[in-house]
ModelCIF file with pLDDT and N, C-alpha, C, O atoms, coordinates in Angstrom:
data_MODEL
#
_entry.id   MODEL 
#
_entity.id                         1 
_entity.type                       polymer 
_entity.pdbx_number_of_molecules   1 
#
_entity_poly.entity_id                      1 
_entity_poly.type                           'polypeptide(L)' 
_entity_poly.nstd_linkage                   no 
_entity_poly.nstd_monomer                   no 
_entity_poly.pdbx_seq_one_letter_code       RGKAAAMQRGIALSSGDIIFTLDADDFFLPG 
_entity_poly.pdbx_seq_one_letter_code_can   RGKAAAMQRGIALSSGDIIFTLDADDFFLPG 
_entity_poly.pdbx_strand_id                 A 
#
loop_
_entity_poly_seq.entity_id 
_entity_poly_seq.num 
_entity_poly_seq.mon_id 
_entity_poly_seq.hetero 
1 1  ARG n 
1 2  GLY n 
1 3  LYS n 
1 4  ALA n 
1 5  ALA n 
1 6  ALA n 
1 7  MET n 
1 8  GLN n 
1 9  ARG n 
1 10 GLY n 
1 11 ILE n 
1 12 ALA n 
1 13 LEU n 
1 14 SER n 
1 15 SER n 
1 16 GLY n 
1 17 ASP n 
1 18 ILE n 
1 19 ILE n 
1 20 PHE n 
1 21 THR n 
1 22 LEU n 
1 23 ASP n 
1 24 ALA n 
1 25 ASP n 
1 26 ASP n 
1 27 PHE n 
1 28 PHE n 
1 29 LEU n 
1 30 PRO n 
1 31 GLY n 
#
_struct_asym.id          A 
_struct_asym.entity_id   1 
#
loop_
_ma_qa_metric.id 
_ma_qa_metric.mode 
_ma_qa_metric.name 
_ma_qa_metric.software_group_id 
_ma_qa_metric.type 
1 global pLDDT . pLDDT 
2 local  pLDDT . pLDDT 
#
_ma_qa_metric_global.metric_id      1 
_ma_qa_metric_global.metric_value   91.97 
_ma_qa_metric_global.model_id       1 
_ma_qa_metric_global.ordinal_id     1 
#
loop_
_ma_qa_metric_local.label_asym_id 
_ma_qa_metric_local.label_comp_id 
_ma_qa_metric_local.label_seq_id 
_ma_qa_metric_local.metric_id 
_ma_qa_metric_local.metric_value 
_ma_qa_metric_local.model_id 
_ma_qa_metric_local.ordinal_id 
A ARG 1  2 85.00 1 1  
A GLY 2  2 88.00 1 2  
A LYS 3  2 90.00 1 3  
A ALA 4  2 93.00 1 4  
A ALA 5  2 92.00 1 5  
A ALA 6  2 91.00 1 6  
A MET 7  2 93.00 1 7  
A GLN 8  2 94.00 1 8  
A ARG 9  2 93.00 1 9  
A GLY 10 2 92.00 1 10 
A ILE 11 2 95.00 1 11 
A ALA 12 2 94.00 1 12 
A LEU 13 2 92.00 1 13 
A SER 14 2 91.00 1 14 
A SER 15 2 89.00 1 15 
A GLY 16 2 91.00 1 16 
A ASP 17 2 95.00 1 17 
A ILE 18 2 97.00 1 18 
A ILE 19 2 96.00 1 19 
A PHE 20 2 96.00 1 20 
A THR 21 2 94.00 1 21 
A LEU 22 2 92.00 1 22 
A ASP 23 2 89.00 1 23 
A ALA 24 2 82.00 1 24 
A ASP 25 2 84.00 1 25 
A ASP 26 2 92.00 1 26 
A PHE 27 2 92.00 1 27 
A PHE 28 2 95.00 1 28 
A LEU 29 2 94.00 1 29 
A PRO 30 2 95.00 1 30 
A GLY 31 2 95.00 1 31 
#
loop_
_atom_site.group_PDB 
_atom_site.id 
_atom_site.type_symbol 
_atom_site.label_atom_id 
_atom_site.label_alt_id 
_atom_site.label_comp_id 
_atom_site.label_asym_id 
_atom_site.label_entity_id 
_atom_site.label_seq_id 
_atom_site.pdbx_PDB_ins_code 
_atom_site.Cartn_x 
_atom_site.Cartn_y 
_atom_site.Cartn_z 
_atom_site.occupancy 
_atom_site.B_iso_or_equiv 
_atom_site.pdbx_formal_charge 
_atom_site.auth_seq_id 
_atom_site.auth_comp_id 
_atom_site.auth_asym_id 
_atom_site.auth_atom_id 
_atom_site.pdbx_PDB_model_num 
ATOM 1   N N  . ARG A 1 1  ? 0.311  14.724  -4.111  1.00 85.00 ? 1  ARG A N  1 
ATOM 2   C CA . ARG A 1 1  ? 1.691  15.141  -3.881  1.00 85.00 ? 1  ARG A CA 1 
ATOM 3   C C  . ARG A 1 1  ? 2.660  14.054  -4.324  1.00 85.00 ? 1  ARG A C  1 
ATOM 4   O O  . ARG A 1 1  ? 3.817  14.039  -3.905  1.00 85.00 ? 1  ARG A O  1 
ATOM 5   N N  . GLY A 1 2  ? 2.183  13.137  -5.179  1.00 88.00 ? 2  GLY A N  1 
ATOM 6   C CA . GLY A 1 2  ? 3.043  12.087  -5.692  1.00 88.00 ? 2  GLY A CA 1 
ATOM 7   C C  . GLY A 1 2  ? 2.903  10.787  -4.922  1.00 88.00 ? 2  GLY A C  1 
ATOM 8   O O  . GLY A 1 2  ? 2.308  10.737  -3.846  1.00 88.00 ? 2  GLY A O  1 
ATOM 9   N N  . LYS A 1 3  ? 3.470  9.731   -5.504  1.00 90.00 ? 3  LYS A N  1 
ATOM 10  C CA . LYS A 1 3  ? 3.310  8.398   -4.942  1.00 90.00 ? 3  LYS A CA 1 
ATOM 11  C C  . LYS A 1 3  ? 4.007  8.236   -3.596  1.00 90.00 ? 3  LYS A C  1 
ATOM 12  O O  . LYS A 1 3  ? 3.482  7.575   -2.700  1.00 90.00 ? 3  LYS A O  1 
ATOM 13  N N  . ALA A 1 4  ? 5.194  8.839   -3.449  1.00 93.00 ? 4  ALA A N  1 
ATOM 14  C CA . ALA A 1 4  ? 5.941  8.678   -2.197  1.00 93.00 ? 4  ALA A CA 1 
ATOM 15  C C  . ALA A 1 4  ? 5.167  9.258   -1.021  1.00 93.00 ? 4  ALA A C  1 
ATOM 16  O O  . ALA A 1 4  ? 5.117  8.656   0.051   1.00 93.00 ? 4  ALA A O  1 
ATOM 17  N N  . ALA A 1 5  ? 4.561  10.433  -1.222  1.00 92.00 ? 5  ALA A N  1 
ATOM 18  C CA . ALA A 1 5  ? 3.797  11.061  -0.142  1.00 92.00 ? 5  ALA A CA 1 
ATOM 19  C C  . ALA A 1 5  ? 2.578  10.227  0.218   1.00 92.00 ? 5  ALA A C  1 
ATOM 20  O O  . ALA A 1 5  ? 2.233  10.102  1.393   1.00 92.00 ? 5  ALA A O  1 
ATOM 21  N N  . ALA A 1 6  ? 1.922  9.653   -0.795  1.00 91.00 ? 6  ALA A N  1 
ATOM 22  C CA . ALA A 1 6  ? 0.758  8.806   -0.536  1.00 91.00 ? 6  ALA A CA 1 
ATOM 23  C C  . ALA A 1 6  ? 1.164  7.542   0.221   1.00 91.00 ? 6  ALA A C  1 
ATOM 24  O O  . ALA A 1 6  ? 0.484  7.121   1.156   1.00 91.00 ? 6  ALA A O  1 
ATOM 25  N N  . MET A 1 7  ? 2.283  6.941   -0.197  1.00 93.00 ? 7  MET A N  1 
ATOM 26  C CA . MET A 1 7  ? 2.741  5.723   0.466   1.00 93.00 ? 7  MET A CA 1 
ATOM 27  C C  . MET A 1 7  ? 3.135  6.010   1.913   1.00 93.00 ? 7  MET A C  1 
ATOM 28  O O  . MET A 1 7  ? 2.828  5.228   2.813   1.00 93.00 ? 7  MET A O  1 
ATOM 29  N N  . GLN A 1 8  ? 3.806  7.118   2.129   1.00 94.00 ? 8  GLN A N  1 
ATOM 30  C CA . GLN A 1 8  ? 4.218  7.472   3.483   1.00 94.00 ? 8  GLN A CA 1 
ATOM 31  C C  . GLN A 1 8  ? 3.008  7.628   4.391   1.00 94.00 ? 8  GLN A C  1 
ATOM 32  O O  . GLN A 1 8  ? 3.025  7.166   5.532   1.00 94.00 ? 8  GLN A O  1 
ATOM 33  N N  . ARG A 1 9  ? 1.970  8.269   3.900   1.00 93.00 ? 9  ARG A N  1 
ATOM 34  C CA . ARG A 1 9  ? 0.786  8.458   4.737   1.00 93.00 ? 9  ARG A CA 1 
ATOM 35  C C  . ARG A 1 9  ? 0.076  7.132   4.977   1.00 93.00 ? 9  ARG A C  1 
ATOM 36  O O  . ARG A 1 9  ? -0.369 6.860   6.092   1.00 93.00 ? 9  ARG A O  1 
ATOM 37  N N  . GLY A 1 10 ? -0.034 6.310   3.945   1.00 92.00 ? 10 GLY A N  1 
ATOM 38  C CA . GLY A 1 10 ? -0.677 5.015   4.116   1.00 92.00 ? 10 GLY A CA 1 
ATOM 39  C C  . GLY A 1 10 ? 0.022  4.161   5.160   1.00 92.00 ? 10 GLY A C  1 
ATOM 40  O O  . GLY A 1 10 ? -0.630 3.508   5.975   1.00 92.00 ? 10 GLY A O  1 
ATOM 41  N N  . ILE A 1 11 ? 1.358  4.167   5.135   1.00 95.00 ? 11 ILE A N  1 
ATOM 42  C CA . ILE A 1 11 ? 2.127  3.397   6.122   1.00 95.00 ? 11 ILE A CA 1 
ATOM 43  C C  . ILE A 1 11 ? 1.912  3.963   7.517   1.00 95.00 ? 11 ILE A C  1 
ATOM 44  O O  . ILE A 1 11 ? 1.746  3.210   8.476   1.00 95.00 ? 11 ILE A O  1 
ATOM 45  N N  . ALA A 1 12 ? 1.915  5.283   7.633   1.00 94.00 ? 12 ALA A N  1 
ATOM 46  C CA . ALA A 1 12 ? 1.727  5.915   8.938   1.00 94.00 ? 12 ALA A CA 1 
ATOM 47  C C  . ALA A 1 12 ? 0.367  5.569   9.538   1.00 94.00 ? 12 ALA A C  1 
ATOM 48  O O  . ALA A 1 12 ? 0.243  5.447   10.756  1.00 94.00 ? 12 ALA A O  1 
ATOM 49  N N  . LEU A 1 13 ? -0.646 5.411   8.700   1.00 92.00 ? 13 LEU A N  1 
ATOM 50  C CA . LEU A 1 13 ? -1.994 5.114   9.172   1.00 92.00 ? 13 LEU A CA 1 
ATOM 51  C C  . LEU A 1 13 ? -2.200 3.637   9.483   1.00 92.00 ? 13 LEU A C  1 
ATOM 52  O O  . LEU A 1 13 ? -3.160 3.274   10.162  1.00 92.00 ? 13 LEU A O  1 
ATOM 53  N N  . SER A 1 14 ? -1.309 2.786   8.993   1.00 91.00 ? 14 SER A N  1 
ATOM 54  C CA . SER A 1 14 ? -1.500 1.338   9.114   1.00 91.00 ? 14 SER A CA 1 
ATOM 55  C C  . SER A 1 14 ? -1.260 0.854   10.543  1.00 91.00 ? 14 SER A C  1 
ATOM 56  O O  . SER A 1 14 ? -0.375 1.345   11.243  1.00 91.00 ? 14 SER A O  1 
ATOM 57  N N  . SER A 1 15 ? -2.061 -0.111  10.952  1.00 89.00 ? 15 SER A N  1 
ATOM 58  C CA . SER A 1 15 ? -1.949 -0.657  12.304  1.00 89.00 ? 15 SER A CA 1 
ATOM 59  C C  . SER A 1 15 ? -1.829 -2.177  12.315  1.00 89.00 ? 15 SER A C  1 
ATOM 60  O O  . SER A 1 15 ? -1.688 -2.774  13.382  1.00 89.00 ? 15 SER A O  1 
ATOM 61  N N  . GLY A 1 16 ? -1.884 -2.810  11.147  1.00 91.00 ? 16 GLY A N  1 
ATOM 62  C CA . GLY A 1 16 ? -1.723 -4.263  11.081  1.00 91.00 ? 16 GLY A CA 1 
ATOM 63  C C  . GLY A 1 16 ? -0.265 -4.667  11.188  1.00 91.00 ? 16 GLY A C  1 
ATOM 64  O O  . GLY A 1 16 ? 0.602  -3.825  11.423  1.00 91.00 ? 16 GLY A O  1 
ATOM 65  N N  . ASP A 1 17 ? 0.003  -5.933  11.020  1.00 95.00 ? 17 ASP A N  1 
ATOM 66  C CA . ASP A 1 17 ? 1.360  -6.463  11.159  1.00 95.00 ? 17 ASP A CA 1 
ATOM 67  C C  . ASP A 1 17 ? 2.145  -6.443  9.857   1.00 95.00 ? 17 ASP A C  1 
ATOM 68  O O  . ASP A 1 17 ? 3.376  -6.468  9.876   1.00 95.00 ? 17 ASP A O  1 
ATOM 69  N N  . ILE A 1 18 ? 1.448  -6.399  8.725   1.00 97.00 ? 18 ILE A N  1 
ATOM 70  C CA . ILE A 1 18 ? 2.089  -6.545  7.418   1.00 97.00 ? 18 ILE A CA 1 
ATOM 71  C C  . ILE A 1 18 ? 1.587  -5.456  6.476   1.00 97.00 ? 18 ILE A C  1 
ATOM 72  O O  . ILE A 1 18 ? 0.398  -5.137  6.445   1.00 97.00 ? 18 ILE A O  1 
ATOM 73  N N  . ILE A 1 19 ? 2.519  -4.895  5.708   1.00 96.00 ? 19 ILE A N  1 
ATOM 74  C CA . ILE A 1 19 ? 2.185  -3.928  4.664   1.00 96.00 ? 19 ILE A CA 1 
ATOM 75  C C  . ILE A 1 19 ? 2.289  -4.621  3.311   1.00 96.00 ? 19 ILE A C  1 
ATOM 76  O O  . ILE A 1 19 ? 3.327  -5.195  2.984   1.00 96.00 ? 19 ILE A O  1 
ATOM 77  N N  . PHE A 1 20 ? 1.220  -4.569  2.528   1.00 96.00 ? 20 PHE A N  1 
ATOM 78  C CA . PHE A 1 20 ? 1.250  -5.005  1.137   1.00 96.00 ? 20 PHE A CA 1 
ATOM 79  C C  . PHE A 1 20 ? 1.073  -3.759  0.264   1.00 96.00 ? 20 PHE A C  1 
ATOM 80  O O  . PHE A 1 20 ? 0.371  -2.826  0.654   1.00 96.00 ? 20 PHE A O  1 
ATOM 81  N N  . THR A 1 21 ? 1.696  -3.740  -0.894  1.00 94.00 ? 21 THR A N  1 
ATOM 82  C CA . THR A 1 21 ? 1.435  -2.664  -1.847  1.00 94.00 ? 21 THR A CA 1 
ATOM 83  C C  . THR A 1 21 ? 0.818  -3.268  -3.105  1.00 94.00 ? 21 THR A C  1 
ATOM 84  O O  . THR A 1 21 ? 1.205  -4.349  -3.551  1.00 94.00 ? 21 THR A O  1 
ATOM 85  N N  . LEU A 1 22 ? -0.141 -2.554  -3.661  1.00 92.00 ? 22 LEU A N  1 
ATOM 86  C CA . LEU A 1 22 ? -0.850 -3.044  -4.849  1.00 92.00 ? 22 LEU A CA 1 
ATOM 87  C C  . LEU A 1 22 ? -1.249 -1.853  -5.695  1.00 92.00 ? 22 LEU A C  1 
ATOM 88  O O  . LEU A 1 22 ? -2.057 -1.028  -5.270  1.00 92.00 ? 22 LEU A O  1 
ATOM 89  N N  . ASP A 1 23 ? -0.687 -1.759  -6.892  1.00 89.00 ? 23 ASP A N  1 
ATOM 90  C CA . ASP A 1 23 ? -1.040 -0.675  -7.796  1.00 89.00 ? 23 ASP A CA 1 
ATOM 91  C C  . ASP A 1 23 ? -2.445 -0.875  -8.339  1.00 89.00 ? 23 ASP A C  1 
ATOM 92  O O  . ASP A 1 23 ? -2.970 -1.988  -8.360  1.00 89.00 ? 23 ASP A O  1 
ATOM 93  N N  . ALA A 1 24 ? -3.040 0.217   -8.775  1.00 82.00 ? 24 ALA A N  1 
ATOM 94  C CA . ALA A 1 24 ? -4.460 0.208   -9.134  1.00 82.00 ? 24 ALA A CA 1 
ATOM 95  C C  . ALA A 1 24 ? -4.783 -0.729  -10.290 1.00 82.00 ? 24 ALA A C  1 
ATOM 96  O O  . ALA A 1 24 ? -5.890 -1.265  -10.349 1.00 82.00 ? 24 ALA A O  1 
ATOM 97  N N  . ASP A 1 25 ? -3.846 -0.941  -11.210 1.00 84.00 ? 25 ASP A N  1 
ATOM 98  C CA . ASP A 1 25 ? -4.137 -1.783  -12.369 1.00 84.00 ? 25 ASP A CA 1 
ATOM 99  C C  . ASP A 1 25 ? -3.471 -3.158  -12.286 1.00 84.00 ? 25 ASP A C  1 
ATOM 100 O O  . ASP A 1 25 ? -3.381 -3.861  -13.292 1.00 84.00 ? 25 ASP A O  1 
ATOM 101 N N  . ASP A 1 26 ? -3.006 -3.545  -11.096 1.00 92.00 ? 26 ASP A N  1 
ATOM 102 C CA . ASP A 1 26 ? -2.457 -4.883  -10.878 1.00 92.00 ? 26 ASP A CA 1 
ATOM 103 C C  . ASP A 1 26 ? -3.388 -5.664  -9.957  1.00 92.00 ? 26 ASP A C  1 
ATOM 104 O O  . ASP A 1 26 ? -4.351 -5.110  -9.426  1.00 92.00 ? 26 ASP A O  1 
ATOM 105 N N  . PHE A 1 27 ? -3.100 -6.949  -9.769  1.00 92.00 ? 27 PHE A N  1 
ATOM 106 C CA . PHE A 1 27 ? -3.920 -7.728  -8.832  1.00 92.00 ? 27 PHE A CA 1 
ATOM 107 C C  . PHE A 1 27 ? -3.127 -8.904  -8.289  1.00 92.00 ? 27 PHE A C  1 
ATOM 108 O O  . PHE A 1 27 ? -2.132 -9.335  -8.872  1.00 92.00 ? 27 PHE A O  1 
ATOM 109 N N  . PHE A 1 28 ? -3.600 -9.414  -7.145  1.00 95.00 ? 28 PHE A N  1 
ATOM 110 C CA . PHE A 1 28 ? -2.985 -10.574 -6.504  1.00 95.00 ? 28 PHE A CA 1 
ATOM 111 C C  . PHE A 1 28 ? -3.670 -11.848 -6.986  1.00 95.00 ? 28 PHE A C  1 
ATOM 112 O O  . PHE A 1 28 ? -4.861 -11.851 -7.296  1.00 95.00 ? 28 PHE A O  1 
ATOM 113 N N  . LEU A 1 29 ? -2.899 -12.924 -7.043  1.00 94.00 ? 29 LEU A N  1 
ATOM 114 C CA . LEU A 1 29 ? -3.440 -14.241 -7.337  1.00 94.00 ? 29 LEU A CA 1 
ATOM 115 C C  . LEU A 1 29 ? -3.743 -14.962 -6.031  1.00 94.00 ? 29 LEU A C  1 
ATOM 116 O O  . LEU A 1 29 ? -3.201 -14.595 -4.988  1.00 94.00 ? 29 LEU A O  1 
ATOM 117 N N  . PRO A 1 30 ? -4.602 -15.986 -6.065  1.00 95.00 ? 30 PRO A N  1 
ATOM 118 C CA . PRO A 1 30 ? -4.918 -16.734 -4.837  1.00 95.00 ? 30 PRO A CA 1 
ATOM 119 C C  . PRO A 1 30 ? -3.646 -17.282 -4.187  1.00 95.00 ? 30 PRO A C  1 
ATOM 120 O O  . PRO A 1 30 ? -2.770 -17.817 -4.865  1.00 95.00 ? 30 PRO A O  1 
ATOM 121 N N  . GLY A 1 31 ? -3.562 -17.141 -2.877  1.00 95.00 ? 31 GLY A N  1 
ATOM 122 C CA . GLY A 1 31 ? -2.406 -17.627 -2.139  1.00 95.00 ? 31 GLY A CA 1 
ATOM 123 C C  . GLY A 1 31 ? -1.385 -16.564 -1.815  1.00 95.00 ? 31 GLY A C  1 
ATOM 124 O O  . GLY A 1 31 ? -0.364 -16.858 -1.193  1.00 95.00 ? 31 GLY A O  1 
#
């Protein structure tokens, strides 16, 4: 149903203190 609907559900399901977003073809560096 599109990216916004997916993001909304992911946030609703989250229980940690911090939300990070990461697209499928990107990545985080150490730190």
